[in-house]
C-alpha atoms as a PDB file:
ATOM      1  CA  UNK A   1      99.107  98.497 102.738  1.00  0.00           C
ATOM      2  CA  UNK A   2     101.342  98.785  99.209  1.00  0.00           C
ATOM      3  CA  UNK A   3     102.829  95.590  98.505  1.00  0.00           C
ATOM      4  CA  UNK A   4     106.703  95.426  98.341  1.00  0.00           C
ATOM      5  CA  UNK A   5     106.455  93.934  94.794  1.00  0.00           C
ATOM      6  CA  UNK A   6     104.480  97.107  93.825  1.00  0.00           C
ATOM      7  CA  UNK A   7     106.817  99.651  95.739  1.00  0.00           C
ATOM      8  CA  UNK A   8     109.810  98.088  93.954  1.00  0.00           C
ATOM      9  CA  UNK A   9     108.493  98.992  90.382  1.00  0.00           C
ATOM     10  CA  UNK A  10     106.731 102.399  91.498  1.00  0.00           C
ATOM     11  CA  UNK A  11     108.820 105.363  90.267  1.00  0.00           C
ATOM     12  CA  UNK A  12     107.943 109.240  90.806  1.00  0.00           C
ATOM     13  CA  UNK A  13     106.321 110.289  87.580  1.00  0.00           C
ATOM     14  CA  UNK A  14     108.164 113.620  87.647  1.00  0.00           C
ATOM     15  CA  UNK A  15     111.238 112.323  87.893  1.00  0.00           C
ATOM     16  CA  UNK A  16     111.830 108.845  86.165  1.00  0.00           C
ATOM     17  CA  UNK A  17     112.731 110.104  82.763  1.00  0.00           C
ATOM     18  CA  UNK A  18     115.805 111.901  84.197  1.00  0.00           C
ATOM     19  CA  UNK A  19     116.351 110.171  87.167  1.00  0.00           C
ATOM     20  CA  UNK A  20     115.763 107.227  89.347  1.00  0.00           C
ATOM     21  CA  UNK A  21     112.635 108.306  90.883  1.00  0.00           C
ATOM     22  CA  UNK A  22     112.785 105.970  93.965  1.00  0.00           C
ATOM     23  CA  UNK A  23     110.010 105.996  96.317  1.00  0.00           C
ATOM     24  CA  UNK A  24     110.425 105.521  99.972  1.00  0.00           C
ATOM     25  CA  UNK A  25     107.380 104.250 102.245  1.00  0.00           C
ATOM     26  CA  UNK A  26     106.506 106.847 105.377  1.00  0.00           C
ATOM     27  CA  UNK A  27     104.177 106.229 107.775  1.00  0.00           C
ATOM     28  CA  UNK A  28     102.853 103.528 105.928  1.00  0.00           C
ATOM     29  CA  UNK A  29     100.619 105.861 103.777  1.00  0.00           C
ATOM     30  CA  UNK A  30     102.897 107.917 101.712  1.00  0.00           C
ATOM     31  CA  UNK A  31     105.451 107.524  98.999  1.00  0.00           C
ATOM     32  CA  UNK A  32     108.410 110.095  99.293  1.00  0.00           C
ATOM     33  CA  UNK A  33     110.570 110.648  95.997  1.00  0.00           C
ATOM     34  CA  UNK A  34     114.118 110.232  96.836  1.00  0.00           C
ATOM     35  CA  UNK A  35     115.327 112.556  94.249  1.00  0.00           C
ATOM     36  CA  UNK A  36     112.817 115.688  94.123  1.00  0.00           C
ATOM     37  CA  UNK A  37     111.165 115.325  97.331  1.00  0.00           C
ATOM     38  CA  UNK A  38     107.450 115.059  96.221  1.00  0.00           C
ATOM     39  CA  UNK A  39     105.057 113.178  98.231  1.00  0.00           C
ATOM     40  CA  UNK A  40     102.288 110.859  97.070  1.00  0.00           C
ATOM     41  CA  UNK A  41      99.696 109.855  99.505  1.00  0.00           C
ATOM     42  CA  UNK A  42      98.210 106.325  99.678  1.00  0.00           C
ATOM     43  CA  UNK A  43      94.239 106.393  99.917  1.00  0.00           C
ATOM     44  CA  UNK A  44      92.442 102.917 100.333  1.00  0.00           C
ATOM     45  CA  UNK A  45      95.807 100.985  99.768  1.00  0.00           C
ATOM     46  CA  UNK A  46      96.072 102.695  96.270  1.00  0.00           C
ATOM     47  CA  UNK A  47      99.218 105.205  95.700  1.00  0.00           C
ATOM     48  CA  UNK A  48      97.818 108.575  93.850  1.00  0.00           C
ATOM     49  CA  UNK A  49     100.691 108.907  91.965  1.00  0.00           C
ATOM     50  CA  UNK A  50      99.705 112.415  89.945  1.00  0.00           C
ATOM     51  CA  UNK A  51     102.360 114.828  89.918  1.00  0.00           C
ATOM     52  CA  UNK A  52      99.973 117.639  90.992  1.00  0.00           C
ATOM     53  CA  UNK A  53      99.159 115.606  94.144  1.00  0.00           C
ATOM     54  CA  UNK A  54     102.833 115.276  94.777  1.00  0.00           C
ATOM     55  CA  UNK A  55     103.382 118.956  94.531  1.00  0.00           C
ATOM     56  CA  UNK A  56     100.991 119.594  97.280  1.00  0.00           C
ATOM     57  CA  UNK A  57     103.175 118.279  99.607  1.00  0.00           C
ATOM     58  CA  UNK A  58     106.940 118.989  98.477  1.00  0.00           C
ATOM     59  CA  UNK A  59     107.096 121.615 100.991  1.00  0.00           C
ATOM     60  CA  UNK A  60     106.128 119.594 103.915  1.00  0.00           C
ATOM     61  CA  UNK A  61     108.514 117.409 105.856  1.00  0.00           C
ATOM     62  CA  UNK A  62     107.999 113.868 106.345  1.00  0.00           C
ATOM     63  CA  UNK A  63     107.398 113.775 109.793  1.00  0.00           C
ATOM     64  CA  UNK A  64     104.747 116.348 109.412  1.00  0.00           C
ATOM     65  CA  UNK A  65     102.440 114.697 106.832  1.00  0.00           C
ATOM     66  CA  UNK A  66      99.248 113.886 108.214  1.00  0.00           C
ATOM     67  CA  UNK A  67      97.952 110.466 108.785  1.00  0.00           C
ATOM     68  CA  UNK A  68      95.873 109.274 107.251  1.00  0.00           C
ATOM     69  CA  UNK A  69      96.324 111.632 103.994  1.00  0.00           C
ATOM     70  CA  UNK A  70      93.456 114.019 103.578  1.00  0.00           C
ATOM     71  CA  UNK A  71      90.833 113.407 101.309  1.00  0.00           C
ATOM     72  CA  UNK A  72      91.108 114.989  97.854  1.00  0.00           C
END
């Protein structure tokens, strides 16, 4: 699980330059950007903070995200 301290400093790499890029934990396995809606999987307790990875899930609703996230 991602620690609360790490969650407080992590930001969406696509939004951080123009907006806050704040992330919300969803289903304990996803980080969702509050600004753009990109969704970043957490694999083996490591957030995969790649813009391309977040783009894959932007159209998927938070309730439809798979648990665990699929392997890359």
